[in-house]
C-alpha atoms as a PDB file:
ATOM      1  CA  MET A   1      -3.059  18.729 -24.791  1.00  0.00           C
ATOM      2  CA  ALA A   2      -4.969  15.466 -25.251  1.00  0.00           C
ATOM      3  CA  GLN A   3      -8.411  14.947 -23.612  1.00  0.00           C
ATOM      4  CA  THR A   4     -10.106  12.069 -22.239  1.00  0.00           C
ATOM      5  CA  ALA A   5     -13.425  11.126 -20.522  1.00  0.00           C
ATOM      6  CA  ILE A   6     -12.857   9.204 -17.218  1.00  0.00           C
ATOM      7  CA  GLN A   7     -15.268   6.456 -16.426  1.00  0.00           C
ATOM      8  CA  THR A   8     -16.344   6.095 -12.864  1.00  0.00           C
ATOM      9  CA  PRO A   9     -17.023   2.796 -11.237  1.00  0.00           C
ATOM     10  CA  SER A  10     -20.593   2.107 -10.316  1.00  0.00           C
ATOM     11  CA  ALA A  11     -19.777   2.609  -6.566  1.00  0.00           C
ATOM     12  CA  LEU A  12     -19.349   6.302  -7.198  1.00  0.00           C
ATOM     13  CA  PRO A  13     -21.779   8.966  -8.130  1.00  0.00           C
ATOM     14  CA  ALA A  14     -21.999   9.106 -12.125  1.00  0.00           C
ATOM     15  CA  SER A  15     -20.110  12.236 -13.365  1.00  0.00           C
ATOM     16  CA  SER A  16     -18.101  12.995 -16.252  1.00  0.00           C
ATOM     17  CA  CYS A  17     -15.207  15.325 -16.481  1.00  0.00           C
ATOM     18  CA  THR A  18     -12.350  15.987 -18.889  1.00  0.00           C
ATOM     19  CA  ALA A  19      -8.781  15.360 -18.157  1.00  0.00           C
ATOM     20  CA  LEU A  20      -5.849  16.783 -19.728  1.00  0.00           C
ATOM     21  CA  ASP A  21      -2.695  15.104 -20.380  1.00  0.00           C
ATOM     22  CA  PRO A  22       0.169  17.459 -19.780  1.00  0.00           C
ATOM     23  CA  LEU A  23       2.498  15.637 -21.969  1.00  0.00           C
ATOM     24  CA  GLY A  24      -0.026  16.094 -25.137  1.00  0.00           C
ATOM     25  CA  GLU A  25      -0.219  12.392 -25.648  1.00  0.00           C
ATOM     26  CA  PRO A  26      -3.568  10.624 -26.438  1.00  0.00           C
ATOM     27  CA  VAL A  27      -4.903   8.874 -23.536  1.00  0.00           C
ATOM     28  CA  GLN A  28      -7.401   6.033 -23.253  1.00  0.00           C
ATOM     29  CA  SER A  29     -10.378   6.144 -20.835  1.00  0.00           C
ATOM     30  CA  LYS A  30      -9.261   5.528 -17.312  1.00  0.00           C
ATOM     31  CA  GLN A  31     -10.660   3.473 -14.663  1.00  0.00           C
ATOM     32  CA  PHE A  32     -10.447   4.566 -10.998  1.00  0.00           C
ATOM     33  CA  LEU A  33      -8.489   2.046  -8.727  1.00  0.00           C
ATOM     34  CA  SER A  34      -9.110   1.723  -5.079  1.00  0.00           C
ATOM     35  CA  MET A  35      -6.431   2.274  -2.658  1.00  0.00           C
ATOM     36  CA  ALA A  36      -4.453  -0.583  -1.200  1.00  0.00           C
ATOM     37  CA  PRO A  37      -5.809  -1.704   2.140  1.00  0.00           C
ATOM     38  CA  ARG A  38      -3.963  -0.115   5.252  1.00  0.00           C
ATOM     39  CA  PRO A  39      -1.670  -2.529   7.185  1.00  0.00           C
ATOM     40  CA  ASN A  40      -2.747  -3.008  10.817  1.00  0.00           C
ATOM     41  CA  SER A  41       0.707  -2.149  11.860  1.00  0.00           C
ATOM     42  CA  LEU A  42       3.898  -1.103  10.289  1.00  0.00           C
ATOM     43  CA  GLN A  43       5.875  -3.211  12.881  1.00  0.00           C
ATOM     44  CA  GLY A  44       8.544  -5.244  10.987  1.00  0.00           C
ATOM     45  CA  LYS A  45       7.380  -3.791   7.569  1.00  0.00           C
ATOM     46  CA  THR A  46       9.242  -2.247   4.779  1.00  0.00           C
ATOM     47  CA  VAL A  47       7.914   1.085   3.842  1.00  0.00           C
ATOM     48  CA  TYR A  48       9.061   2.751   0.762  1.00  0.00           C
ATOM     49  CA  LEU A  49       9.151   6.623   0.933  1.00  0.00           C
ATOM     50  CA  VAL A  50       9.169   7.903  -2.596  1.00  0.00           C
ATOM     51  CA  ASP A  51      10.151  11.420  -3.565  1.00  0.00           C
ATOM     52  CA  VAL A  52       8.560  12.472  -6.840  1.00  0.00           C
ATOM     53  CA  GLY A  53      10.662  15.561  -7.411  1.00  0.00           C
ATOM     54  CA  PHE A  54       8.612  18.390  -5.749  1.00  0.00           C
ATOM     55  CA  ALA A  55      10.599  21.084  -3.948  1.00  0.00           C
ATOM     56  CA  GLY A  56      10.991  20.185  -0.234  1.00  0.00           C
ATOM     57  CA  GLY A  57       9.600  16.715  -0.857  1.00  0.00           C
ATOM     58  CA  TYR A  58      13.050  14.733  -0.227  1.00  0.00           C
ATOM     59  CA  GLU A  59      13.422  16.741   3.033  1.00  0.00           C
ATOM     60  CA  PHE A  60       9.944  15.878   4.172  1.00  0.00           C
ATOM     61  CA  LEU A  61      10.441  12.314   3.545  1.00  0.00           C
ATOM     62  CA  GLU A  62      13.804  12.267   5.556  1.00  0.00           C
ATOM     63  CA  GLU A  63      11.762  13.570   8.415  1.00  0.00           C
ATOM     64  CA  VAL A  64       9.288  10.868   8.051  1.00  0.00           C
ATOM     65  CA  ARG A  65      12.073   8.342   7.827  1.00  0.00           C
ATOM     66  CA  GLY A  66      13.550   9.796  11.119  1.00  0.00           C
ATOM     67  CA  TRP A  67      10.152   9.622  12.857  1.00  0.00           C
ATOM     68  CA  LEU A  68       9.670   5.918  11.815  1.00  0.00           C
ATOM     69  CA  GLY A  69      13.150   5.135  13.146  1.00  0.00           C
ATOM     70  CA  ARG A  70      12.235   6.805  16.498  1.00  0.00           C
ATOM     71  CA  ASN A  71       8.576   5.583  16.870  1.00  0.00           C
ATOM     72  CA  ILE A  72       8.511   2.131  14.892  1.00  0.00           C
ATOM     73  CA  PRO A  73      12.166   0.925  14.974  1.00  0.00           C
ATOM     74  CA  SER A  74      11.491  -2.324  13.670  1.00  0.00           C
ATOM     75  CA  ALA A  75       9.920  -1.005  10.361  1.00  0.00           C
ATOM     76  CA  ARG A  76      12.468  -0.517   7.579  1.00  0.00           C
ATOM     77  CA  ALA A  77      12.160   2.825   5.840  1.00  0.00           C
ATOM     78  CA  VAL A  78      13.569   2.837   2.070  1.00  0.00           C
ATOM     79  CA  LEU A  79      13.927   6.414   0.783  1.00  0.00           C
ATOM     80  CA  LYS A  80      13.930   6.615  -3.056  1.00  0.00           C
ATOM     81  CA  HIS A  81      13.880   9.357  -5.694  1.00  0.00           C
ATOM     82  CA  LYS A  82      11.567   8.540  -8.482  1.00  0.00           C
ATOM     83  CA  PRO A  83      13.457   8.864 -11.743  1.00  0.00           C
ATOM     84  CA  GLY A  84      12.432  11.339 -14.327  1.00  0.00           C
ATOM     85  CA  ASN A  85       9.727  14.034 -13.645  1.00  0.00           C
ATOM     86  CA  MET A  86       6.318  13.509 -11.908  1.00  0.00           C
ATOM     87  CA  PHE A  87       4.638  12.740 -15.001  1.00  0.00           C
ATOM     88  CA  MET A  88       6.985  10.036 -16.327  1.00  0.00           C
ATOM     89  CA  ASP A  89       6.358   6.382 -15.738  1.00  0.00           C
ATOM     90  CA  ALA A  90       8.902   4.473 -13.627  1.00  0.00           C
ATOM     91  CA  PRO A  91       8.290   0.801 -14.244  1.00  0.00           C
ATOM     92  CA  ASP A  92      11.450  -0.561 -12.718  1.00  0.00           C
ATOM     93  CA  LEU A  93      10.750   1.327  -9.488  1.00  0.00           C
ATOM     94  CA  TRP A  94       7.187   0.171  -9.322  1.00  0.00           C
ATOM     95  CA  ALA A  95       8.240  -3.408  -9.811  1.00  0.00           C
ATOM     96  CA  GLU A  96      10.653  -2.996  -6.975  1.00  0.00           C
ATOM     97  CA  ILE A  97       8.088  -1.577  -4.818  1.00  0.00           C
ATOM     98  CA  LYS A  98       5.697  -4.263  -5.624  1.00  0.00           C
ATOM     99  CA  ASP A  99       8.292  -6.990  -4.818  1.00  0.00           C
ATOM    100  CA  GLN A 100       9.852  -5.384  -1.723  1.00  0.00           C
ATOM    101  CA  ALA A 101       7.483  -2.919  -0.002  1.00  0.00           C
ATOM    102  CA  ASN A 102       4.638  -3.570   2.538  1.00  0.00           C
ATOM    103  CA  ALA A 103       3.600   0.094   2.409  1.00  0.00           C
ATOM    104  CA  VAL A 104       4.392   3.233   0.327  1.00  0.00           C
ATOM    105  CA  ILE A 105       4.403   6.950   1.063  1.00  0.00           C
ATOM    106  CA  PHE A 106       4.619   9.053  -1.886  1.00  0.00           C
ATOM    107  CA  GLY A 107       5.842  12.682  -0.923  1.00  0.00           C
ATOM    108  CA  VAL A 108       5.412  15.995  -2.208  1.00  0.00           C
ATOM    109  CA  GLY A 109       6.758  19.396  -0.752  1.00  0.00           C
ATOM    110  CA  GLY A 110       5.881  22.972  -1.428  1.00  0.00           C
END
């Protein structure tokens, strides 16, 4: 497995750790990114629900879609399977989400 040091932004406490790439491919130093700001409301928004392939994840997101339909009927829920496995990039899906979504929920199961 390839190893890399992760750089922490100055706002976080200084630390170092070793990350292992499960694909065994060399990786560059990573920078932490902040999460996107939360929308004030999901009223009238498009929410992508993305199943990453863990067992039970799709069923969980179906429940989330049902909850949104019952509790925030003006929200549009789009349920998607992420192509490939959890470690593979999905640039077409990321582009679609960036273009179409106001919010995203990545689901896992277990």
